[in-house]
C-alpha atoms as a PDB file:
ATOM      1  CA  MET A   1      -0.019  -0.048   0.109  1.00  0.00           C
ATOM      2  CA  PRO A   2       1.638   3.450  -0.950  1.00  0.00           C
ATOM      3  CA  THR A   3       2.017   5.817   1.917  1.00  0.00           C
ATOM      4  CA  ALA A   4       1.072   9.566   1.704  1.00  0.00           C
ATOM      5  CA  ILE A   5       1.859  11.941   4.542  1.00  0.00           C
ATOM      6  CA  ALA A   6       0.418  15.423   4.624  1.00  0.00           C
ATOM      7  CA  LEU A   7       2.735  17.997   6.540  1.00  0.00           C
ATOM      8  CA  ARG A   8       0.075  20.334   8.519  1.00  0.00           C
ATOM      9  CA  HIS A   9       1.157  24.043   9.721  1.00  0.00           C
ATOM     10  CA  VAL A  10      -2.238  24.765  11.251  1.00  0.00           C
ATOM     11  CA  ALA A  11      -5.237  22.151  11.986  1.00  0.00           C
ATOM     12  CA  PHE A  12      -7.615  23.754   9.879  1.00  0.00           C
ATOM     13  CA  GLU A  13      -5.836  23.496   6.844  1.00  0.00           C
ATOM     14  CA  ASP A  14      -5.894  20.137   5.947  1.00  0.00           C
ATOM     15  CA  LEU A  15      -5.840  17.473   2.660  1.00  0.00           C
ATOM     16  CA  GLY A  16      -9.874  18.568   2.232  1.00  0.00           C
ATOM     17  CA  THR A  17     -10.916  16.866  -0.961  1.00  0.00           C
ATOM     18  CA  LEU A  18      -7.640  15.465  -1.532  1.00  0.00           C
ATOM     19  CA  GLY A  19      -8.257  13.135   1.389  1.00  0.00           C
ATOM     20  CA  PRO A  20     -10.552  10.906  -0.102  1.00  0.00           C
ATOM     21  CA  LEU A  21      -9.036  10.829  -3.592  1.00  0.00           C
ATOM     22  CA  LEU A  22      -5.870   9.643  -2.242  1.00  0.00           C
ATOM     23  CA  GLU A  23      -7.914   7.105  -0.203  1.00  0.00           C
ATOM     24  CA  ARG A  24      -9.533   5.746  -3.484  1.00  0.00           C
ATOM     25  CA  ARG A  25      -6.251   5.544  -5.009  1.00  0.00           C
ATOM     26  CA  GLY A  26      -5.165   3.405  -2.293  1.00  0.00           C
ATOM     27  CA  TYR A  27      -2.816   5.608  -0.398  1.00  0.00           C
ATOM     28  CA  ALA A  28      -2.792   5.078   3.619  1.00  0.00           C
ATOM     29  CA  ILE A  29      -2.755   8.819   4.752  1.00  0.00           C
ATOM     30  CA  SER A  30      -1.413  10.327   7.996  1.00  0.00           C
ATOM     31  CA  TYR A  31      -0.351  13.957   9.241  1.00  0.00           C
ATOM     32  CA  ARG A  32       2.426  15.537  10.946  1.00  0.00           C
ATOM     33  CA  ASP A  33       2.255  18.771  12.171  1.00  0.00           C
ATOM     34  CA  ALA A  34       5.233  21.018  11.336  1.00  0.00           C
ATOM     35  CA  GLY A  35       6.874  22.546  14.433  1.00  0.00           C
ATOM     36  CA  VAL A  36       5.722  19.646  16.613  1.00  0.00           C
ATOM     37  CA  ASP A  37       6.692  16.361  14.883  1.00  0.00           C
ATOM     38  CA  ASP A  38      10.135  15.252  13.689  1.00  0.00           C
ATOM     39  CA  LEU A  39      10.546  16.250  10.138  1.00  0.00           C
ATOM     40  CA  ALA A  40      13.687  14.190   9.721  1.00  0.00           C
ATOM     41  CA  ALA A  41      11.970  11.324  10.764  1.00  0.00           C
ATOM     42  CA  PRO A  42      12.437   7.826   8.538  1.00  0.00           C
ATOM     43  CA  ASP A  43       9.061   7.624   7.754  1.00  0.00           C
ATOM     44  CA  ILE A  44       8.359  10.900   6.182  1.00  0.00           C
ATOM     45  CA  ALA A  45      11.800  10.392   4.141  1.00  0.00           C
ATOM     46  CA  ALA A  46      10.560   6.876   2.656  1.00  0.00           C
ATOM     47  CA  CYS A  47       6.696   7.652   1.895  1.00  0.00           C
ATOM     48  CA  ASP A  48       5.438   7.314  -1.574  1.00  0.00           C
ATOM     49  CA  LEU A  49       4.137  11.271  -1.525  1.00  0.00           C
ATOM     50  CA  VAL A  50       4.164  14.423   0.806  1.00  0.00           C
ATOM     51  CA  VAL A  51       1.821  16.874   0.539  1.00  0.00           C
ATOM     52  CA  VAL A  52       3.119  20.068   2.289  1.00  0.00           C
ATOM     53  CA  LEU A  53      -0.067  22.185   3.336  1.00  0.00           C
ATOM     54  CA  GLY A  54      -0.763  25.872   3.735  1.00  0.00           C
ATOM     55  CA  GLY A  55      -0.505  28.282   6.852  1.00  0.00           C
ATOM     56  CA  PRO A  56      -0.329  31.854   7.945  1.00  0.00           C
ATOM     57  CA  ILE A  57       3.423  32.246   8.237  1.00  0.00           C
ATOM     58  CA  GLY A  58       6.209  33.375   5.860  1.00  0.00           C
ATOM     59  CA  ALA A  59       8.540  30.887   4.138  1.00  0.00           C
ATOM     60  CA  TYR A  60      11.210  32.772   5.029  1.00  0.00           C
ATOM     61  CA  GLU A  61      10.651  33.315   8.695  1.00  0.00           C
ATOM     62  CA  GLU A  62      13.373  30.663   9.920  1.00  0.00           C
ATOM     63  CA  GLU A  63      14.396  33.254  12.953  1.00  0.00           C
ATOM     64  CA  ILE A  64      10.716  33.222  14.491  1.00  0.00           C
ATOM     65  CA  TYR A  65       9.722  29.433  13.341  1.00  0.00           C
ATOM     66  CA  PRO A  66      13.165  27.574  13.120  1.00  0.00           C
ATOM     67  CA  PHE A  67      11.350  23.959  11.836  1.00  0.00           C
ATOM     68  CA  LEU A  68      11.007  25.901   8.720  1.00  0.00           C
ATOM     69  CA  ALA A  69      14.855  25.080   7.806  1.00  0.00           C
ATOM     70  CA  ALA A  70      14.180  21.283   8.799  1.00  0.00           C
ATOM     71  CA  GLU A  71      11.015  21.213   6.218  1.00  0.00           C
ATOM     72  CA  ILE A  72      12.721  23.101   3.391  1.00  0.00           C
ATOM     73  CA  ALA A  73      15.669  20.782   3.768  1.00  0.00           C
ATOM     74  CA  LEU A  74      13.230  17.546   3.716  1.00  0.00           C
ATOM     75  CA  ILE A  75      11.669  18.959   0.613  1.00  0.00           C
ATOM     76  CA  GLU A  76      14.883  19.573  -0.836  1.00  0.00           C
ATOM     77  CA  ARG A  77      15.895  15.978  -0.421  1.00  0.00           C
ATOM     78  CA  ARG A  78      13.246  14.670  -1.696  1.00  0.00           C
ATOM     79  CA  LEU A  79      13.005  16.913  -5.121  1.00  0.00           C
ATOM     80  CA  ALA A  80      16.536  15.414  -5.423  1.00  0.00           C
ATOM     81  CA  ARG A  81      15.802  11.929  -4.780  1.00  0.00           C
ATOM     82  CA  ARG A  82      12.741  12.244  -7.260  1.00  0.00           C
ATOM     83  CA  GLN A  83      10.266  11.554  -4.924  1.00  0.00           C
ATOM     84  CA  ALA A  84       7.071  12.759  -4.986  1.00  0.00           C
ATOM     85  CA  VAL A  85       6.008  16.336  -3.332  1.00  0.00           C
ATOM     86  CA  LEU A  86       2.951  18.369  -3.777  1.00  0.00           C
ATOM     87  CA  GLY A  87       2.814  22.054  -2.121  1.00  0.00           C
ATOM     88  CA  ILE A  88       0.051  23.677  -1.615  1.00  0.00           C
ATOM     89  CA  CYS A  89       0.087  27.599  -1.008  1.00  0.00           C
ATOM     90  CA  LEU A  90       2.848  27.763   1.931  1.00  0.00           C
ATOM     91  CA  GLY A  91       3.702  24.572   0.447  1.00  0.00           C
ATOM     92  CA  SER A  92       4.354  25.658  -2.773  1.00  0.00           C
ATOM     93  CA  GLN A  93       6.702  28.589  -1.268  1.00  0.00           C
ATOM     94  CA  LEU A  94       8.588  26.116   0.640  1.00  0.00           C
ATOM     95  CA  MET A  95       8.949  23.911  -2.408  1.00  0.00           C
ATOM     96  CA  ALA A  96      10.096  27.341  -4.293  1.00  0.00           C
ATOM     97  CA  ARG A  97      13.098  27.765  -1.314  1.00  0.00           C
ATOM     98  CA  ALA A  98      13.955  24.568  -1.510  1.00  0.00           C
ATOM     99  CA  LEU A  99      14.648  25.053  -5.087  1.00  0.00           C
ATOM    100  CA  ALA A 100      16.933  28.118  -4.453  1.00  0.00           C
ATOM    101  CA  ALA A 101      14.248  30.553  -5.469  1.00  0.00           C
ATOM    102  CA  ARG A 102      13.321  34.025  -3.329  1.00  0.00           C
ATOM    103  CA  VAL A 103      10.055  33.806  -1.638  1.00  0.00           C
ATOM    104  CA  TYR A 104       8.988  37.404  -0.514  1.00  0.00           C
ATOM    105  CA  PRO A 105       5.988  39.853   0.520  1.00  0.00           C
ATOM    106  CA  GLY A 106       3.914  40.581  -2.289  1.00  0.00           C
ATOM    107  CA  THR A 107       2.205  43.659  -3.442  1.00  0.00           C
ATOM    108  CA  GLY A 108      -0.923  42.777  -1.212  1.00  0.00           C
ATOM    109  CA  LYS A 109      -3.551  40.169  -0.288  1.00  0.00           C
ATOM    110  CA  GLU A 110      -5.017  37.811  -2.802  1.00  0.00           C
ATOM    111  CA  ILE A 111      -8.000  36.473  -0.999  1.00  0.00           C
ATOM    112  CA  GLY A 112     -10.884  34.940  -2.664  1.00  0.00           C
ATOM    113  CA  TRP A 113     -12.191  33.147  -5.628  1.00  0.00           C
ATOM    114  CA  ALA A 114     -10.714  33.799  -8.895  1.00  0.00           C
ATOM    115  CA  PRO A 115      -9.700  31.833 -11.922  1.00  0.00           C
ATOM    116  CA  LEU A 116      -6.178  31.182 -12.933  1.00  0.00           C
ATOM    117  CA  ALA A 117      -4.839  32.056 -16.253  1.00  0.00           C
ATOM    118  CA  LEU A 118      -2.890  28.862 -17.464  1.00  0.00           C
ATOM    119  CA  THR A 119       0.364  28.911 -19.714  1.00  0.00           C
ATOM    120  CA  GLU A 120       0.826  26.936 -22.465  1.00  0.00           C
ATOM    121  CA  ALA A 121       2.654  24.398 -20.431  1.00  0.00           C
ATOM    122  CA  GLY A 122      -0.010  24.710 -18.081  1.00  0.00           C
ATOM    123  CA  ARG A 123      -2.462  24.009 -20.632  1.00  0.00           C
ATOM    124  CA  ASP A 124      -0.716  20.413 -21.374  1.00  0.00           C
ATOM    125  CA  SER A 125      -0.090  19.690 -17.728  1.00  0.00           C
ATOM    126  CA  ALA A 126      -2.346  17.940 -14.881  1.00  0.00           C
ATOM    127  CA  LEU A 127      -3.754  21.638 -14.594  1.00  0.00           C
ATOM    128  CA  ALA A 128      -5.634  21.278 -17.840  1.00  0.00           C
ATOM    129  CA  PRO A 129      -9.032  20.625 -16.187  1.00  0.00           C
ATOM    130  CA  PHE A 130      -8.648  24.517 -15.182  1.00  0.00           C
ATOM    131  CA  ALA A 131      -8.346  25.899 -18.458  1.00  0.00           C
ATOM    132  CA  GLY A 132     -11.728  26.629 -18.562  1.00  0.00           C
ATOM    133  CA  ARG A 133     -11.058  29.320 -16.256  1.00  0.00           C
ATOM    134  CA  ALA A 134     -12.825  27.751 -13.362  1.00  0.00           C
ATOM    135  CA  PRO A 135     -12.366  29.680 -10.050  1.00  0.00           C
ATOM    136  CA  VAL A 136      -9.711  28.704  -7.607  1.00  0.00           C
ATOM    137  CA  LEU A 137      -9.461  29.625  -4.023  1.00  0.00           C
ATOM    138  CA  HIS A 138      -6.569  32.082  -3.164  1.00  0.00           C
ATOM    139  CA  TRP A 139      -5.307  33.115  -0.044  1.00  0.00           C
ATOM    140  CA  HIS A 140      -1.916  34.391   0.123  1.00  0.00           C
ATOM    141  CA  GLY A 141       0.123  37.562   0.519  1.00  0.00           C
ATOM    142  CA  ASP A 142       3.497  36.174  -0.409  1.00  0.00           C
ATOM    143  CA  THR A 143       4.696  35.183  -3.836  1.00  0.00           C
ATOM    144  CA  PHE A 144       7.815  33.556  -5.043  1.00  0.00           C
ATOM    145  CA  ASP A 145      10.085  33.714  -8.152  1.00  0.00           C
ATOM    146  CA  LEU A 146      10.203  30.914 -10.481  1.00  0.00           C
ATOM    147  CA  PRO A 147      12.860  28.307  -9.715  1.00  0.00           C
ATOM    148  CA  ALA A 148      15.654  27.792 -12.352  1.00  0.00           C
ATOM    149  CA  GLY A 149      14.682  24.707 -14.291  1.00  0.00           C
ATOM    150  CA  ALA A 150      11.029  24.909 -13.224  1.00  0.00           C
ATOM    151  CA  THR A 151       8.121  24.965 -15.900  1.00  0.00           C
ATOM    152  CA  HIS A 152       5.588  27.715 -15.402  1.00  0.00           C
ATOM    153  CA  LEU A 153       2.099  26.828 -15.145  1.00  0.00           C
ATOM    154  CA  ALA A 154      -0.244  29.509 -14.294  1.00  0.00           C
ATOM    155  CA  ALA A 155      -0.710  33.229 -13.479  1.00  0.00           C
ATOM    156  CA  THR A 156      -3.446  35.446 -12.140  1.00  0.00           C
ATOM    157  CA  GLU A 157      -3.522  39.128 -12.776  1.00  0.00           C
ATOM    158  CA  ARG A 158      -2.200  40.051  -9.524  1.00  0.00           C
ATOM    159  CA  TYR A 159       0.310  37.330  -9.075  1.00  0.00           C
ATOM    160  CA  ARG A 160       2.404  36.031 -12.028  1.00  0.00           C
ATOM    161  CA  HIS A 161       3.576  32.684 -10.258  1.00  0.00           C
ATOM    162  CA  GLN A 162       0.626  30.762  -9.284  1.00  0.00           C
ATOM    163  CA  ALA A 163       1.916  26.970  -9.888  1.00  0.00           C
ATOM    164  CA  PHE A 164       5.014  25.288 -11.373  1.00  0.00           C
ATOM    165  CA  LEU A 165       5.981  21.804 -12.045  1.00  0.00           C
ATOM    166  CA  TRP A 166       9.827  20.527 -11.033  1.00  0.00           C
ATOM    167  CA  GLN A 167      10.350  17.601 -13.484  1.00  0.00           C
ATOM    168  CA  ARG A 168       7.370  15.173 -12.970  1.00  0.00           C
ATOM    169  CA  HIS A 169       7.379  14.827  -8.894  1.00  0.00           C
ATOM    170  CA  GLY A 170       7.418  18.076  -7.508  1.00  0.00           C
ATOM    171  CA  LEU A 171       3.889  20.164  -8.247  1.00  0.00           C
ATOM    172  CA  ALA A 172       3.673  23.746  -6.524  1.00  0.00           C
ATOM    173  CA  LEU A 173       0.402  25.430  -6.388  1.00  0.00           C
ATOM    174  CA  GLN A 174       0.256  28.871  -4.834  1.00  0.00           C
ATOM    175  CA  PHE A 175      -3.786  28.625  -4.698  1.00  0.00           C
ATOM    176  CA  HIS A 176      -6.058  26.055  -3.008  1.00  0.00           C
ATOM    177  CA  LEU A 177      -7.677  23.210  -4.998  1.00  0.00           C
ATOM    178  CA  GLU A 178      -8.405  20.983  -1.872  1.00  0.00           C
ATOM    179  CA  VAL A 179     -11.231  23.587  -0.319  1.00  0.00           C
ATOM    180  CA  ALA A 180     -15.003  22.393   0.451  1.00  0.00           C
ATOM    181  CA  ALA A 181     -17.242  24.990   2.063  1.00  0.00           C
ATOM    182  CA  PRO A 182     -17.737  23.026   5.058  1.00  0.00           C
ATOM    183  CA  GLY A 183     -14.386  22.593   5.805  1.00  0.00           C
ATOM    184  CA  LEU A 184     -14.138  26.515   4.791  1.00  0.00           C
ATOM    185  CA  GLU A 185     -15.818  27.570   8.088  1.00  0.00           C
ATOM    186  CA  ARG A 186     -12.973  26.851  10.197  1.00  0.00           C
ATOM    187  CA  TRP A 187     -10.820  28.737   8.133  1.00  0.00           C
ATOM    188  CA  TYR A 188     -13.230  31.986   9.025  1.00  0.00           C
ATOM    189  CA  ILE A 189     -12.488  31.446  12.833  1.00  0.00           C
ATOM    190  CA  GLY A 190      -8.723  30.735  12.320  1.00  0.00           C
ATOM    191  CA  HIS A 191      -8.158  33.547   9.928  1.00  0.00           C
ATOM    192  CA  ALA A 192     -10.702  35.810  11.463  1.00  0.00           C
ATOM    193  CA  CYS A 193      -8.115  38.720  12.114  1.00  0.00           C
ATOM    194  CA  GLU A 194      -6.688  38.497   8.506  1.00  0.00           C
ATOM    195  CA  ILE A 195     -10.119  38.817   6.890  1.00  0.00           C
ATOM    196  CA  ALA A 196     -11.085  41.679   9.299  1.00  0.00           C
ATOM    197  CA  ALA A 197      -7.835  43.457   8.203  1.00  0.00           C
ATOM    198  CA  THR A 198      -8.175  43.187   4.516  1.00  0.00           C
ATOM    199  CA  PRO A 199     -10.212  45.859   3.030  1.00  0.00           C
ATOM    200  CA  GLY A 200     -13.381  44.785   0.945  1.00  0.00           C
ATOM    201  CA  LEU A 201     -13.361  41.008   2.497  1.00  0.00           C
ATOM    202  CA  SER A 202     -15.566  39.893   4.801  1.00  0.00           C
ATOM    203  CA  VAL A 203     -16.798  36.261   6.318  1.00  0.00           C
ATOM    204  CA  PRO A 204     -20.452  36.456   4.373  1.00  0.00           C
ATOM    205  CA  VAL A 205     -18.780  37.367   1.143  1.00  0.00           C
ATOM    206  CA  LEU A 206     -16.266  34.473   1.505  1.00  0.00           C
ATOM    207  CA  ARG A 207     -19.060  32.014   2.464  1.00  0.00           C
ATOM    208  CA  ALA A 208     -21.073  33.174  -0.317  1.00  0.00           C
ATOM    209  CA  GLU A 209     -18.301  32.616  -2.741  1.00  0.00           C
ATOM    210  CA  SER A 210     -17.288  29.475  -1.651  1.00  0.00           C
ATOM    211  CA  GLU A 211     -20.861  27.812  -1.474  1.00  0.00           C
ATOM    212  CA  HIS A 212     -21.066  28.766  -4.758  1.00  0.00           C
ATOM    213  CA  TRP A 213     -17.602  27.846  -6.289  1.00  0.00           C
ATOM    214  CA  ALA A 214     -15.980  24.896  -4.202  1.00  0.00           C
ATOM    215  CA  PRO A 215     -18.675  22.228  -5.384  1.00  0.00           C
ATOM    216  CA  ALA A 216     -17.418  22.789  -8.837  1.00  0.00           C
ATOM    217  CA  LEU A 217     -13.880  22.746  -7.842  1.00  0.00           C
ATOM    218  CA  ALA A 218     -13.632  19.337  -6.294  1.00  0.00           C
ATOM    219  CA  PRO A 219     -14.268  17.181  -9.557  1.00  0.00           C
ATOM    220  CA  LEU A 220     -11.625  19.375 -11.283  1.00  0.00           C
ATOM    221  CA  ALA A 221      -8.945  19.166  -8.252  1.00  0.00           C
ATOM    222  CA  ALA A 222      -9.722  15.235  -8.446  1.00  0.00           C
ATOM    223  CA  ARG A 223      -9.020  15.163 -12.030  1.00  0.00           C
ATOM    224  CA  ALA A 224      -5.912  17.508 -11.794  1.00  0.00           C
ATOM    225  CA  VAL A 225      -4.264  15.578  -8.915  1.00  0.00           C
ATOM    226  CA  ALA A 226      -5.119  12.151 -10.486  1.00  0.00           C
ATOM    227  CA  THR A 227      -3.415  13.199 -13.639  1.00  0.00           C
ATOM    228  CA  TRP A 228      -0.294  14.252 -11.957  1.00  0.00           C
ATOM    229  CA  LEU A 229      -0.237  10.934  -9.749  1.00  0.00           C
ATOM    230  CA  ASP A 230      -0.550   8.868 -12.944  1.00  0.00           C
ATOM    231  CA  GLY A 231       2.296  10.758 -14.442  1.00  0.00           C
ATOM    232  CA  LEU A 232       4.403   9.779 -11.238  1.00  0.00           C
ATOM    233  CA  ALA A 233       4.097   6.229 -12.487  1.00  0.00           C
ATOM    234  CA  GLU A 234       5.076   6.490 -16.363  1.00  0.00           C
END
């Protein structure tokens, strides 16, 4: 049975709809909490898939959160060994850092539902289901430079680097494709201060958008991730 380990930074940002997808594909899933669990543990190094999830901290804040250095080193080792890594939001930024790219504060918060603009490579990638510009959830203020040698897959009007592929085994997604409307209720609580501090944003607005768009996102996300996983076996 293949194994998947999700590295979690806050309890409410979990695998979401990707959990059932991985289970249907036969993966045994477990979580490790960054900052608490040992990221150098042998089972993490040996597992078939690591999913690095989101969180409200900066990928460059090792002085405040020393575990980030170990997390980046883990990602770097796995990518060098051609072991599968999927990075989502903060996870994508940590992947960029593991590949020696710069991560830094952007021009402002990008929070809410908006479509992706796929590059030519993106339209020919696992992200092809999003070529119809179906909205995904964005929730970040930082951005990253594209790592040297990575394939640029997607952009938005505000942030050019929304997704990249590293060879076959590294997929970095700045946006959230794993969310479901019921689970986002925990985000509205956990990120209450950030929502309140962002002009033009409110929980009722996010809730209404999520209830409208999240059901359509789930099958597209499943197709995208399944396509990427199928490519790992080729």
